Protein backbone atom coordinates (compact mmCIF):
# COMPACT_ATOMS: atom_id res chain seq x y z
CA MET A 1 0.12 0.08 -0.19
CA LYS A 2 1.30 3.43 -1.06
CA LYS A 3 1.39 6.10 1.49
CA ARG A 4 0.91 9.65 -0.16
CA SER A 5 0.75 12.97 0.88
CA THR A 6 -2.67 13.99 1.61
CA SER A 7 -2.08 17.62 0.82
CA ALA A 8 -0.52 16.79 -3.02
CA PRO A 9 -2.70 16.15 -5.55
CA ALA A 10 -1.82 12.98 -7.45
CA GLY A 11 0.29 13.44 -10.42
CA SER A 12 1.48 16.55 -8.51
CA ARG A 13 5.45 17.40 -8.36
CA THR A 14 5.97 16.23 -4.69
CA THR A 15 4.15 13.02 -5.40
CA ARG A 16 6.15 12.19 -8.67
CA ILE A 17 9.56 12.80 -6.38
CA ALA A 18 7.79 10.60 -3.44
CA ASP A 19 7.56 7.80 -5.88
CA GLN A 20 11.15 7.92 -7.20
CA ILE A 21 12.56 8.24 -3.76
CA GLN A 22 10.47 4.79 -3.07
CA ARG A 23 11.87 3.04 -6.20
CA ASP A 24 15.69 4.28 -5.75
CA LEU A 25 15.41 3.28 -2.01
CA GLY A 26 14.08 0.13 -3.06
CA GLU A 27 16.90 -0.40 -4.96
CA LEU A 28 19.09 1.19 -2.82
CA ILE A 29 18.79 -0.49 0.62
CA PRO A 30 19.39 -4.16 -0.25
CA ARG A 31 22.53 -2.92 -2.11
CA GLU A 32 24.23 -0.19 0.24
CA VAL A 33 23.17 -0.96 3.60
CA ARG A 34 25.62 -3.15 5.20
CA ASP A 35 23.81 -3.29 8.76
CA PRO A 36 22.46 -6.98 9.08
CA ARG A 37 19.23 -5.37 10.50
CA ALA A 38 18.08 -3.79 7.96
CA THR A 39 17.88 -6.75 5.88
CA LEU A 40 13.89 -7.91 4.53
CA VAL A 41 13.13 -4.59 4.44
CA THR A 42 10.60 -2.98 2.04
CA VAL A 43 9.90 0.60 1.21
CA THR A 44 6.07 0.76 1.22
CA GLY A 45 5.65 4.61 0.87
CA VAL A 46 7.25 7.67 0.81
CA GLN A 47 5.48 11.47 1.88
CA VAL A 48 7.76 14.23 1.27
CA THR A 49 6.56 17.90 2.61
CA ALA A 50 5.89 20.32 0.44
CA ASP A 51 9.21 22.29 0.82
CA TYR A 52 11.23 19.05 0.09
CA ALA A 53 13.08 19.19 3.24
CA HIS A 54 11.85 15.92 4.53
CA ALA A 55 10.59 12.74 3.48
CA LYS A 56 8.85 10.35 5.71
CA VAL A 57 9.59 6.70 4.41
CA PHE A 58 7.72 3.88 5.28
CA VAL A 59 9.14 0.59 5.72
CA SER A 60 7.75 -2.89 6.43
CA THR A 61 9.54 -6.10 7.53
CA LEU A 62 9.36 -9.82 6.94
CA ARG A 63 10.45 -10.09 10.89
CA ASP A 64 7.79 -10.67 13.17
CA GLU A 65 9.81 -9.95 16.86
CA PRO A 66 9.38 -6.30 17.73
CA GLU A 67 12.80 -6.21 19.04
CA ALA A 68 13.81 -7.07 14.96
CA LYS A 69 11.66 -4.26 13.33
CA ALA A 70 12.99 -1.84 15.95
CA GLY A 71 16.32 -2.62 14.90
CA ALA A 72 15.73 -2.51 10.86
CA VAL A 73 14.11 1.07 11.54
CA ALA A 74 17.13 2.15 13.80
CA ALA A 75 19.61 0.80 11.35
CA LEU A 76 17.89 2.64 8.27
CA ASN A 77 17.89 5.81 10.73
CA GLU A 78 21.34 5.79 11.33
CA ALA A 79 22.26 4.89 7.41
CA SER A 80 19.98 7.77 6.40
CA GLY A 81 22.86 10.15 6.07
CA TRP A 82 24.53 7.95 3.47
CA LEU A 83 21.27 7.05 1.73
CA HIS A 84 20.54 10.78 1.38
CA SER A 85 23.88 11.11 -0.47
CA LEU A 86 23.52 8.46 -2.68
CA LEU A 87 19.74 10.05 -3.21
CA TYR A 88 21.46 13.34 -4.13
CA LYS A 89 23.56 11.62 -6.95
CA ARG A 90 20.53 9.96 -8.68
CA LEU A 91 17.91 12.94 -8.27
CA HIS A 92 18.00 15.96 -10.22
CA ILE A 93 16.19 18.35 -7.90
CA HIS A 94 17.64 21.39 -5.73
CA THR A 95 16.57 19.82 -2.48
CA VAL A 96 16.93 16.13 -1.56
CA PRO A 97 15.05 15.84 1.36
CA ARG A 98 16.14 14.47 4.71
CA LEU A 99 15.04 11.06 5.23
CA HIS A 100 13.10 9.67 8.28
CA PHE A 101 12.20 5.99 8.55
CA VAL A 102 9.34 4.96 10.17
CA LEU A 103 7.54 1.11 10.52
CA ASP A 104 4.43 0.73 8.29
CA GLU A 105 1.92 -1.33 10.48
CA SER A 106 -0.75 -1.13 8.22
CA GLY A 107 -0.30 -4.96 6.67
CA VAL A 108 -0.23 -6.18 10.32
CA ARG A 109 -3.27 -4.33 10.88
CA GLY A 110 -5.39 -5.38 7.81
CA LEU A 111 -4.20 -9.09 8.59
CA ASP A 112 -5.74 -8.46 12.15
CA LEU A 113 -8.73 -7.10 11.17
CA SER A 114 -9.26 -9.72 8.63
CA ARG A 115 -8.79 -12.65 11.22
CA LEU A 116 -12.00 -10.87 13.38
CA ILE A 117 -13.97 -10.82 10.25
CA ASP A 118 -13.17 -14.18 9.84
CA THR A 119 -14.00 -14.80 13.54
CA ALA A 120 -17.06 -13.03 13.45
CA ASN A 121 -18.28 -14.74 10.42
CA ALA A 122 -17.65 -18.19 11.65
CA THR A 123 -19.41 -17.24 14.56
CA ARG A 124 -22.54 -16.00 12.93
CA ALA A 125 -22.45 -19.01 10.77
CA LYS A 126 -22.08 -21.21 13.88
CA ASP A 127 -25.25 -19.71 15.38
CA ASP A 128 -27.43 -19.98 12.40
């Protein structure tokens, strides 16, 4: 699920830059970040501020342990300066945003809601 800035209309420059940052980070993280905590990470979305100063990068990981998830985000935030410099070389814009990585829990919440719905449906079918 892509995270988009609610203040920028689809197709706007901000949205295009956020999408490009998402694609570039998807390539750069596995190749350039050597920290083992940052393995099995997927960039699920990017929100860029209107002034291009900051980008909130949403990531998910296949790891189940909360400590591993927090470690992956911490490793990416530690590598954010290096990733910023690599993005500067790739993006042809005046200001490359500072990267702030956060854990995207939307997939987990979706699975929990799906389980609740399945449980409710099973209970209803049993009562009928």
